[in-house]
N, C-alpha and C. Protein backbone atom coordinates (compact mmCIF):
# COMPACT_ATOMS: atom_id res chain seq x y z
N MET A 1 0.93 -0.85 0.26
CA MET A 1 -0.17 0.09 -0.48
C MET A 1 0.70 1.36 0.31
N ARG A 2 0.49 1.83 -1.06
CA ARG A 2 1.50 3.14 -0.92
C ARG A 2 0.89 4.37 -0.23
N THR A 3 2.00 4.97 0.48
CA THR A 3 1.11 5.57 1.91
C THR A 3 2.27 7.53 1.06
N ILE A 4 1.96 8.82 1.57
CA ILE A 4 2.28 9.65 1.14
C ILE A 4 1.69 10.91 2.18
N ALA A 5 3.55 11.03 2.75
CA ALA A 5 3.33 12.25 3.76
C ALA A 5 3.04 13.29 3.70
N LEU A 6 3.35 14.58 5.18
CA LEU A 6 2.89 15.47 5.01
C LEU A 6 3.18 16.59 3.52
N HIS A 7 3.75 16.79 3.73
CA HIS A 7 4.72 18.09 3.32
C HIS A 7 4.63 17.80 1.29
N GLU A 8 5.06 15.77 1.30
CA GLU A 8 4.58 16.10 -0.33
C GLU A 8 3.07 16.49 -0.45
N LEU A 9 1.80 15.73 0.50
CA LEU A 9 0.78 16.36 -0.16
C LEU A 9 0.83 17.25 -0.39
N LYS A 10 1.19 18.27 0.85
CA LYS A 10 0.80 19.63 0.46
C LYS A 10 1.48 19.75 -0.51
N ARG A 11 2.95 19.29 -0.70
CA ARG A 11 3.35 20.06 -2.50
C ARG A 11 2.55 19.65 -3.98
N LEU A 12 1.48 18.69 -3.53
CA LEU A 12 0.77 18.12 -4.39
C LEU A 12 -0.29 19.35 -4.96
N LEU A 13 -1.07 19.68 -4.10
CA LEU A 13 -2.03 19.93 -3.92
C LEU A 13 -1.71 22.20 -3.99
N ASP A 14 -0.51 22.11 -3.25
CA ASP A 14 -0.13 23.31 -3.87
C ASP A 14 0.12 23.80 -5.08
N ASP A 15 1.09 22.51 -6.55
CA ASP A 15 1.33 22.29 -7.24
C ASP A 15 0.17 22.52 -8.21
N GLY A 16 -1.23 21.67 -8.26
CA GLY A 16 -2.37 21.54 -8.54
C GLY A 16 -2.53 20.62 -9.45
N ARG A 17 -1.60 19.24 -8.70
CA ARG A 17 -1.77 18.36 -9.05
C ARG A 17 -3.82 17.68 -8.86
N PRO A 18 -4.13 16.79 -9.93
CA PRO A 18 -5.48 16.19 -9.83
C PRO A 18 -5.35 15.50 -8.88
N VAL A 19 -5.65 15.53 -7.35
CA VAL A 19 -5.88 14.35 -6.30
C VAL A 19 -6.95 14.95 -6.06
N ILE A 20 -7.91 13.24 -5.27
CA ILE A 20 -9.39 13.04 -4.76
C ILE A 20 -8.26 13.16 -3.08
N LEU A 21 -8.87 13.63 -2.71
CA LEU A 21 -8.58 13.66 -0.24
C LEU A 21 -9.94 13.00 -0.26
N VAL A 22 -10.28 12.11 0.27
CA VAL A 22 -11.27 11.34 0.69
C VAL A 22 -10.60 11.39 2.71
N GLU A 23 -12.17 12.05 3.19
CA GLU A 23 -11.47 11.61 4.53
C GLU A 23 -12.93 11.06 4.18
N VAL A 24 -12.31 9.33 5.73
CA VAL A 24 -12.82 8.72 6.24
C VAL A 24 -14.03 8.44 7.51
N LEU A 25 -13.88 9.66 7.60
CA LEU A 25 -14.35 10.16 9.68
C LEU A 25 -15.61 9.96 9.51
N ALA A 26 -16.83 10.12 10.73
CA ALA A 26 -17.69 10.04 9.73
C ALA A 26 -17.98 11.70 10.18
N ALA A 27 -19.67 11.88 9.10
CA ALA A 27 -19.08 13.07 8.65
C ALA A 27 -19.55 13.98 9.75
N HIS A 28 -20.09 14.38 11.03
CA HIS A 28 -19.89 15.04 11.89
C HIS A 28 -18.45 16.10 11.97
N ALA A 29 -17.40 14.34 11.98
CA ALA A 29 -15.95 15.07 11.84
C ALA A 29 -15.60 16.10 10.94
N TYR A 30 -16.09 15.76 10.08
CA TYR A 30 -15.74 15.77 7.81
C TYR A 30 -16.93 17.35 7.77
N ARG A 31 -17.54 17.96 9.43
CA ARG A 31 -18.24 19.41 8.79
C ARG A 31 -17.50 20.29 10.19
N LYS A 32 -16.83 19.63 11.05
CA LYS A 32 -16.11 20.47 12.01
C LYS A 32 -14.92 20.77 11.28
N ALA A 33 -14.11 20.25 10.76
CA ALA A 33 -12.89 20.07 9.79
C ALA A 33 -12.48 19.02 9.25
N HIS A 34 -12.28 19.17 7.82
CA HIS A 34 -11.63 19.03 7.39
C HIS A 34 -10.23 19.35 6.19
N LEU A 35 -9.49 18.51 5.62
CA LEU A 35 -8.58 18.72 4.41
C LEU A 35 -9.89 19.82 3.60
N PRO A 36 -9.10 20.40 2.83
CA PRO A 36 -8.68 21.84 1.73
C PRO A 36 -10.11 20.79 0.43
N GLY A 37 -10.90 20.98 -0.07
CA GLY A 37 -11.21 20.44 -1.44
C GLY A 37 -11.52 18.89 -0.96
N ALA A 38 -11.68 18.74 0.16
CA ALA A 38 -11.77 16.73 0.16
C ALA A 38 -13.26 16.68 0.34
N ILE A 39 -13.73 15.33 0.34
CA ILE A 39 -14.59 15.02 0.29
C ILE A 39 -15.57 13.70 1.15
N ASN A 40 -15.96 13.66 2.06
CA ASN A 40 -16.55 12.24 2.81
C ASN A 40 -17.27 11.81 2.71
N LEU A 41 -16.24 9.98 3.31
CA LEU A 41 -16.97 8.86 2.59
C LEU A 41 -16.38 8.15 3.50
N PRO A 42 -17.48 8.17 4.57
CA PRO A 42 -16.85 7.89 5.57
C PRO A 42 -16.52 5.77 6.27
N ILE A 43 -15.83 5.16 6.28
CA ILE A 43 -15.34 3.95 6.40
C ILE A 43 -16.51 3.12 6.45
N LEU A 44 -17.72 3.47 7.03
CA LEU A 44 -18.59 2.15 7.47
C LEU A 44 -19.88 2.55 6.30
N GLY A 45 -19.33 3.40 5.02
CA GLY A 45 -20.21 3.03 3.90
C GLY A 45 -20.02 3.44 3.21
N LEU A 46 -18.33 3.62 2.97
CA LEU A 46 -16.82 3.07 1.47
C LEU A 46 -17.33 2.46 0.52
N ARG A 47 -18.16 1.17 0.98
CA ARG A 47 -18.00 0.03 -0.62
C ARG A 47 -19.26 0.13 -0.70
N HIS A 48 -19.82 0.85 -0.52
CA HIS A 48 -21.30 1.24 -1.66
C HIS A 48 -21.01 2.23 -2.44
N MET A 49 -20.70 3.47 -1.28
CA MET A 49 -20.75 4.56 -2.18
C MET A 49 -19.39 4.83 -3.00
N ALA A 50 -18.81 4.65 -3.23
CA ALA A 50 -17.24 4.39 -3.55
C ALA A 50 -17.59 4.49 -5.32
N GLU A 51 -18.30 3.79 -6.20
CA GLU A 51 -18.31 3.85 -7.42
C GLU A 51 -19.06 5.36 -7.49
N ARG A 52 -20.31 5.70 -7.01
CA ARG A 52 -21.23 6.72 -7.26
C ARG A 52 -19.77 8.49 -6.95
N ALA A 53 -19.07 8.27 -6.07
CA ALA A 53 -18.75 9.64 -5.40
C ALA A 53 -17.05 9.41 -6.31
N LEU A 54 -16.85 8.66 -6.99
CA LEU A 54 -14.68 7.70 -7.28
C LEU A 54 -15.30 7.25 -8.74
N PRO A 55 -15.70 8.01 -9.07
CA PRO A 55 -16.46 7.47 -10.66
C PRO A 55 -14.92 7.17 -11.97
N ASP A 56 -13.48 7.93 -11.17
CA ASP A 56 -12.48 8.08 -11.79
C ASP A 56 -11.35 6.17 -11.31
N LYS A 57 -11.24 5.47 -11.60
CA LYS A 57 -10.25 4.37 -10.57
C LYS A 57 -9.01 4.26 -10.79
N ALA A 58 -8.97 5.34 -11.89
CA ALA A 58 -7.45 5.83 -12.45
C ALA A 58 -6.81 7.04 -11.81
N ALA A 59 -7.96 7.82 -11.35
CA ALA A 59 -7.12 8.97 -10.50
C ALA A 59 -6.95 8.76 -9.15
N THR A 60 -5.59 9.80 -8.75
CA THR A 60 -4.80 9.41 -7.82
C THR A 60 -5.91 9.97 -6.53
N VAL A 61 -5.87 9.08 -5.36
CA VAL A 61 -7.33 8.91 -4.86
C VAL A 61 -6.77 9.38 -2.97
N VAL A 62 -6.91 10.13 -2.11
CA VAL A 62 -5.78 9.80 -0.58
C VAL A 62 -6.59 9.91 0.25
N VAL A 63 -6.48 8.98 0.93
CA VAL A 63 -7.71 8.34 2.16
C VAL A 63 -6.99 9.51 3.25
N TYR A 64 -7.91 9.30 4.21
CA TYR A 64 -7.27 9.93 5.00
C TYR A 64 -8.14 9.86 6.42
N CYS A 65 -7.69 10.31 8.23
CA CYS A 65 -8.21 9.81 9.08
C CYS A 65 -7.74 10.82 9.93
N GLN A 66 -8.04 11.03 11.29
CA GLN A 66 -7.22 11.45 12.50
C GLN A 66 -6.76 11.50 12.86
N SER A 67 -5.48 10.22 12.81
CA SER A 67 -4.14 9.95 12.81
C SER A 67 -4.10 9.08 12.11
N PRO A 68 -1.97 9.21 13.01
CA PRO A 68 -1.53 7.71 13.15
C PRO A 68 -2.70 6.31 13.62
N ARG A 69 -2.56 6.97 14.76
CA ARG A 69 -3.74 5.86 15.77
C ARG A 69 -5.33 5.41 15.64
N CYS A 70 -5.42 6.26 13.88
CA CYS A 70 -6.58 6.47 13.45
C CYS A 70 -6.56 4.85 12.50
N GLY A 71 -6.86 4.01 12.79
CA GLY A 71 -7.18 2.90 11.59
C GLY A 71 -7.68 2.03 9.95
N SER A 72 -8.83 3.69 10.09
CA SER A 72 -9.89 3.94 9.10
C SER A 72 -8.97 3.68 7.62
N ALA A 73 -8.45 4.92 7.67
CA ALA A 73 -7.39 5.07 5.94
C ALA A 73 -6.75 3.71 5.80
N THR A 74 -5.96 3.61 6.46
CA THR A 74 -5.88 2.19 6.13
C THR A 74 -6.89 0.82 5.62
N LYS A 75 -7.60 0.37 5.87
CA LYS A 75 -8.98 -0.07 5.42
C LYS A 75 -9.75 0.60 3.75
N ALA A 76 -9.62 1.65 4.74
CA ALA A 76 -10.14 2.48 2.98
C ALA A 76 -8.93 2.19 2.20
N ALA A 77 -8.18 2.44 1.97
CA ALA A 77 -7.30 2.08 1.13
C ALA A 77 -7.25 0.39 0.65
N ARG A 78 -7.11 -0.38 1.68
CA ARG A 78 -7.52 -2.11 0.88
C ARG A 78 -8.91 -1.76 -0.04
N ILE A 79 -10.13 -1.13 0.91
CA ILE A 79 -11.24 -1.73 -0.05
C ILE A 79 -11.42 -0.38 -1.27
N LEU A 80 -10.60 0.40 -1.13
CA LEU A 80 -10.36 1.09 -2.77
C LEU A 80 -10.19 0.21 -3.83
N ALA A 81 -8.88 -0.35 -3.31
CA ALA A 81 -7.67 -1.05 -3.82
C ALA A 81 -8.26 -2.21 -4.57
N GLU A 82 -9.77 -3.05 -3.36
CA GLU A 82 -10.28 -3.92 -3.64
C GLU A 82 -11.07 -4.35 -4.79
N LEU A 83 -11.57 -2.60 -5.02
CA LEU A 83 -12.41 -1.84 -5.42
C LEU A 83 -12.40 -1.25 -7.35
N GLY A 84 -10.72 -2.00 -7.86
CA GLY A 84 -10.11 -1.56 -8.76
C GLY A 84 -9.63 -0.26 -8.76
N TYR A 85 -9.57 0.65 -7.39
CA TYR A 85 -8.92 1.95 -7.40
C TYR A 85 -7.37 2.00 -7.95
N ALA A 86 -6.84 2.02 -8.75
CA ALA A 86 -5.31 1.55 -9.32
C ALA A 86 -3.69 2.64 -8.22
N ASP A 87 -5.14 3.75 -7.92
CA ASP A 87 -4.30 4.95 -7.49
C ASP A 87 -4.59 5.62 -5.80
N VAL A 88 -4.28 4.58 -5.20
CA VAL A 88 -4.68 4.32 -4.22
C VAL A 88 -3.13 5.05 -2.94
N ARG A 89 -3.74 5.79 -1.81
CA ARG A 89 -2.66 6.77 -0.90
C ARG A 89 -2.95 6.93 0.16
N GLU A 90 -2.12 6.14 1.20
CA GLU A 90 -2.79 6.47 2.75
C GLU A 90 -2.57 7.61 3.00
N PHE A 91 -3.02 8.49 3.37
CA PHE A 91 -2.00 9.26 4.26
C PHE A 91 -2.18 9.83 5.82
N ARG A 92 -1.08 9.28 6.37
CA ARG A 92 -1.32 8.04 7.26
C ARG A 92 -1.01 9.19 8.96
N GLU A 93 -0.33 10.00 8.27
CA GLU A 93 -0.81 11.40 9.51
C GLU A 93 -1.69 12.14 9.80
N GLY A 94 -2.72 11.65 8.62
CA GLY A 94 -3.90 12.26 9.58
C GLY A 94 -4.16 13.73 8.76
N LYS A 95 -5.23 13.98 10.37
CA LYS A 95 -5.62 15.28 10.17
C LYS A 95 -5.71 16.30 10.78
N GLU A 96 -4.77 15.53 12.42
CA GLU A 96 -4.53 16.32 13.05
C GLU A 96 -3.10 16.92 12.36
N ALA A 97 -2.30 16.13 12.32
CA ALA A 97 -0.80 16.44 11.56
C ALA A 97 -0.76 17.67 10.01
N TRP A 98 -1.40 17.22 9.78
CA TRP A 98 -2.46 18.96 8.20
C TRP A 98 -2.65 19.65 10.03
N ILE A 99 -3.71 19.75 10.67
CA ILE A 99 -3.50 21.62 11.55
C ILE A 99 -2.81 21.29 11.91
N ALA A 100 -1.85 20.97 12.64
CA ALA A 100 -1.23 20.92 13.06
C ALA A 100 0.41 21.54 13.06
N ALA A 101 0.45 21.36 11.59
CA ALA A 101 1.41 22.46 10.28
C ALA A 101 0.79 23.53 9.64
N GLY A 102 -0.20 23.87 10.59
CA GLY A 102 -0.11 25.14 10.73
C GLY A 102 -1.09 25.29 9.08
N TYR A 103 -1.12 24.49 8.37
CA TYR A 103 -2.09 24.12 6.90
C TYR A 103 -3.61 24.58 7.07
N PRO A 104 -4.30 24.86 5.05
CA PRO A 104 -5.94 25.89 6.12
C PRO A 104 -6.36 24.05 6.02
N ILE A 105 -7.50 24.68 6.98
CA ILE A 105 -9.00 23.55 6.26
C ILE A 105 -9.87 23.97 6.39
N GLU A 106 -11.15 23.63 5.78
CA GLU A 106 -12.54 24.07 6.07
C GLU A 106 -12.96 23.18 6.77
N GLY A 107 -14.47 23.78 6.91
CA GLY A 107 -15.18 23.40 7.81
C GLY A 107 -15.32 24.12 9.23
N GLU A 108 -16.22 23.85 9.85
CA GLU A 108 -16.76 24.65 11.20
C GLU A 108 -15.70 25.20 11.88
N ALA A 109 -14.71 24.90 12.03
CA ALA A 109 -14.04 25.05 12.85
C ALA A 109 -13.19 25.90 11.70
N ALA A 110 -12.92 26.47 10.71
CA ALA A 110 -12.00 26.72 10.14
C ALA A 110 -11.85 27.76 9.96
N PRO A 111 -10.69 29.48 10.39
CA PRO A 111 -10.85 30.24 10.29
C PRO A 111 -11.79 31.49 9.88
N VAL A 112 -12.35 32.50 10.53
CA VAL A 112 -13.31 33.19 9.20
C VAL A 112 -12.36 33.86 8.84
N PRO A 113 -12.29 34.17 7.60
CA PRO A 113 -11.36 35.42 7.13
C PRO A 113 -11.78 37.35 7.24
N SER A 114 -10.82 37.35 8.01
CA SER A 114 -10.93 38.67 8.80
C SER A 114 -11.18 39.94 7.66
N SER A 115 -12.24 40.80 7.20
CA SER A 115 -12.18 41.29 6.56
C SER A 115 -11.27 43.28 6.75
């Protein structure tokens, strides 16, 4: 299983490379905060939602959860590989590392821009 490190992921996104970010946590965690542009496919429904949400099986898909202690991203990467997705990468460091690095987030916890 391929992994992607924090700074490598940030560089891909900054370079505008086509990457589909998938947060596999529950909807309430996604609403609170998620990586910019990420979609939410909770691990419990991933197998049933993947085909519709991720129609291009050749696309680069990066799955993540909260932190390295969360095993959902590993499970999600395995499921997507079993479903035929060719370029699935696991961002093991997760949302906690992204936020700790000071990178932007979206959602209810995102800072409100000042005018």
